[in-house]
Amino acid sequence: MRRLERWVLLLGLLLALAGAADGRAAIGEIAAADLPPEARATLALIRGGGPFPYRKDGTAFQNRERRLPLRPRGYYREYTVPTPGARDRGARRIIAGRGATGDPATGGEYWYTDDHYETFRRIRE
């Protein structure tokens, strides 16, 4: 391999590793049917526009961890997925993006996390 080709390959590898280190690694997927029942119920509430059981549901999700695709501030909204037996809101959430319609209820962009924003899986319909 020529020297320039090696540098290009090394640069590509470093950029891929940097993306993984800052949270922009590939996001997994999960079928809506494979979500826990509480998450399916929350997704139905989101699509129906509520009412939501938690005061913070529907508030802006800042994506501070940068694990979701980068979008303008206010693009994402977060919703609590109840955790059976938890005394608080627990760690499970659905994050809804505005999508093509501009409305999280109908935008079709939904992500599920069960570890309080450490990892996300895109919900497939």
Protein backbone atom coordinates (compact mmCIF):
# COMPACT_ATOMS: atom_id res chain seq x y z
CA MET A 1 0.00 0.00 0.00
CA ARG A 2 1.32 3.41 -0.80
CA ARG A 3 1.96 5.93 1.93
CA LEU A 4 -0.97 8.22 1.01
CA GLU A 5 -3.40 5.28 0.95
CA ARG A 6 -2.24 4.24 4.42
CA TRP A 7 -2.81 7.77 5.73
CA VAL A 8 -6.30 7.90 4.24
CA LEU A 9 -7.13 4.52 5.76
CA LEU A 10 -5.76 5.57 9.15
CA LEU A 11 -7.68 8.85 9.05
CA GLY A 12 -10.92 6.99 8.26
CA LEU A 13 -10.33 4.61 11.16
CA LEU A 14 -9.62 7.49 13.55
CA LEU A 15 -12.78 9.33 12.48
CA ALA A 16 -14.86 6.19 12.99
CA LEU A 17 -13.39 5.69 16.45
CA ALA A 18 -13.98 9.35 17.34
CA GLY A 19 -17.61 9.02 16.33
CA ALA A 20 -18.02 5.97 18.56
CA ALA A 21 -16.29 7.70 21.46
CA ASP A 22 -18.52 10.77 21.37
CA GLY A 23 -21.73 8.79 21.26
CA ARG A 24 -22.48 9.01 17.57
CA ALA A 25 -21.96 5.34 16.90
CA ALA A 26 -24.59 3.42 15.00
CA ILE A 27 -27.90 3.15 16.81
CA GLY A 28 -29.55 -0.25 17.04
CA GLU A 29 -33.16 -0.96 16.19
CA ILE A 30 -36.07 -2.60 17.93
CA ALA A 31 -39.44 -3.55 16.49
CA ALA A 32 -42.39 -1.84 18.18
CA ALA A 33 -43.85 -5.30 18.83
CA ASP A 34 -40.69 -6.25 20.76
CA LEU A 35 -40.90 -3.31 23.17
CA PRO A 36 -41.97 -3.97 26.75
CA PRO A 37 -45.75 -3.54 27.21
CA GLU A 38 -45.26 -0.27 29.11
CA ALA A 39 -43.23 1.15 26.21
CA ARG A 40 -45.91 0.13 23.70
CA ALA A 41 -48.51 1.89 25.87
CA THR A 42 -46.33 5.03 26.06
CA LEU A 43 -45.85 4.98 22.29
CA ALA A 44 -49.64 4.81 21.85
CA LEU A 45 -50.04 7.82 24.18
CA ILE A 46 -47.45 9.78 22.19
CA ARG A 47 -49.23 9.04 18.92
CA GLY A 48 -52.55 10.01 20.47
CA GLY A 49 -51.27 13.25 21.95
CA GLY A 50 -51.66 12.16 25.60
CA PRO A 51 -52.71 12.55 28.31
CA PHE A 52 -49.38 11.68 29.88
CA PRO A 53 -49.00 10.39 33.43
CA TYR A 54 -45.79 12.27 34.25
CA ARG A 55 -45.39 16.04 34.50
CA LYS A 56 -42.13 16.02 32.51
CA ASP A 57 -43.53 14.02 29.60
CA GLY A 58 -43.40 15.95 26.35
CA THR A 59 -40.61 18.27 27.49
CA ALA A 60 -37.63 18.97 25.26
CA PHE A 61 -34.89 16.36 25.24
CA GLN A 62 -31.54 18.11 24.86
CA ASN A 63 -29.52 15.18 23.45
CA ARG A 64 -26.58 16.33 25.61
CA GLU A 65 -25.02 12.89 25.35
CA ARG A 66 -25.14 13.26 21.55
CA ARG A 67 -26.26 9.68 21.11
CA LEU A 68 -29.08 10.56 18.73
CA PRO A 69 -28.62 12.26 15.37
CA LEU A 70 -27.76 15.94 15.85
CA ARG A 71 -30.80 18.14 15.30
CA PRO A 72 -31.79 21.71 16.23
CA ARG A 73 -32.71 22.45 19.85
CA GLY A 74 -36.30 21.47 20.59
CA TYR A 75 -36.45 18.79 17.88
CA TYR A 76 -36.69 15.92 20.38
CA ARG A 77 -39.27 15.33 23.13
CA GLU A 78 -38.98 12.79 25.92
CA TYR A 79 -41.59 10.54 27.48
CA THR A 80 -41.38 8.27 30.51
CA VAL A 81 -41.85 4.53 30.12
CA PRO A 82 -43.05 3.30 33.53
CA THR A 83 -40.85 0.72 35.22
CA PRO A 84 -42.84 -1.77 37.32
CA GLY A 85 -41.79 -1.56 40.96
CA ALA A 86 -39.82 1.68 40.56
CA ARG A 87 -40.51 4.41 43.11
CA ASP A 88 -39.53 7.15 40.67
CA ARG A 89 -39.72 7.65 36.91
CA GLY A 90 -37.12 4.93 36.39
CA ALA A 91 -34.60 4.79 33.57
CA ARG A 92 -36.78 3.94 30.59
CA ARG A 93 -37.76 6.60 28.05
CA ILE A 94 -39.04 7.05 24.54
CA ILE A 95 -37.61 10.01 22.67
CA ALA A 96 -39.72 11.33 19.80
CA GLY A 97 -38.39 13.47 16.99
CA ARG A 98 -40.45 15.94 15.01
CA GLY A 99 -39.80 14.05 11.78
CA ALA A 100 -41.25 15.05 8.43
CA THR A 101 -44.51 16.37 9.90
CA GLY A 102 -42.92 18.61 12.54
CA ASP A 103 -44.97 16.91 15.26
CA PRO A 104 -43.54 14.24 17.60
CA ALA A 105 -46.93 12.49 17.64
CA THR A 106 -46.94 11.91 13.89
CA GLY A 107 -43.29 12.43 12.87
CA GLY A 108 -42.50 8.71 12.95
CA GLU A 109 -39.11 9.11 14.65
CA TYR A 110 -39.00 7.24 17.93
CA TRP A 111 -36.11 5.90 20.01
CA TYR A 112 -36.19 3.70 23.11
CA THR A 113 -33.70 3.69 25.97
CA ASP A 114 -33.89 1.44 29.00
CA ASP A 115 -30.67 2.70 30.61
CA HIS A 116 -31.35 6.44 30.98
CA TYR A 117 -29.81 7.68 27.74
CA GLU A 118 -26.70 5.46 27.69
CA THR A 119 -27.93 3.55 24.63
CA PHE A 120 -30.77 4.03 22.19
CA ARG A 121 -32.59 1.81 19.73
CA ARG A 122 -34.64 3.23 16.87
CA ILE A 123 -38.20 1.92 17.05
CA ARG A 124 -39.26 0.25 13.81
CA GLU A 125 -42.97 0.29 13.08
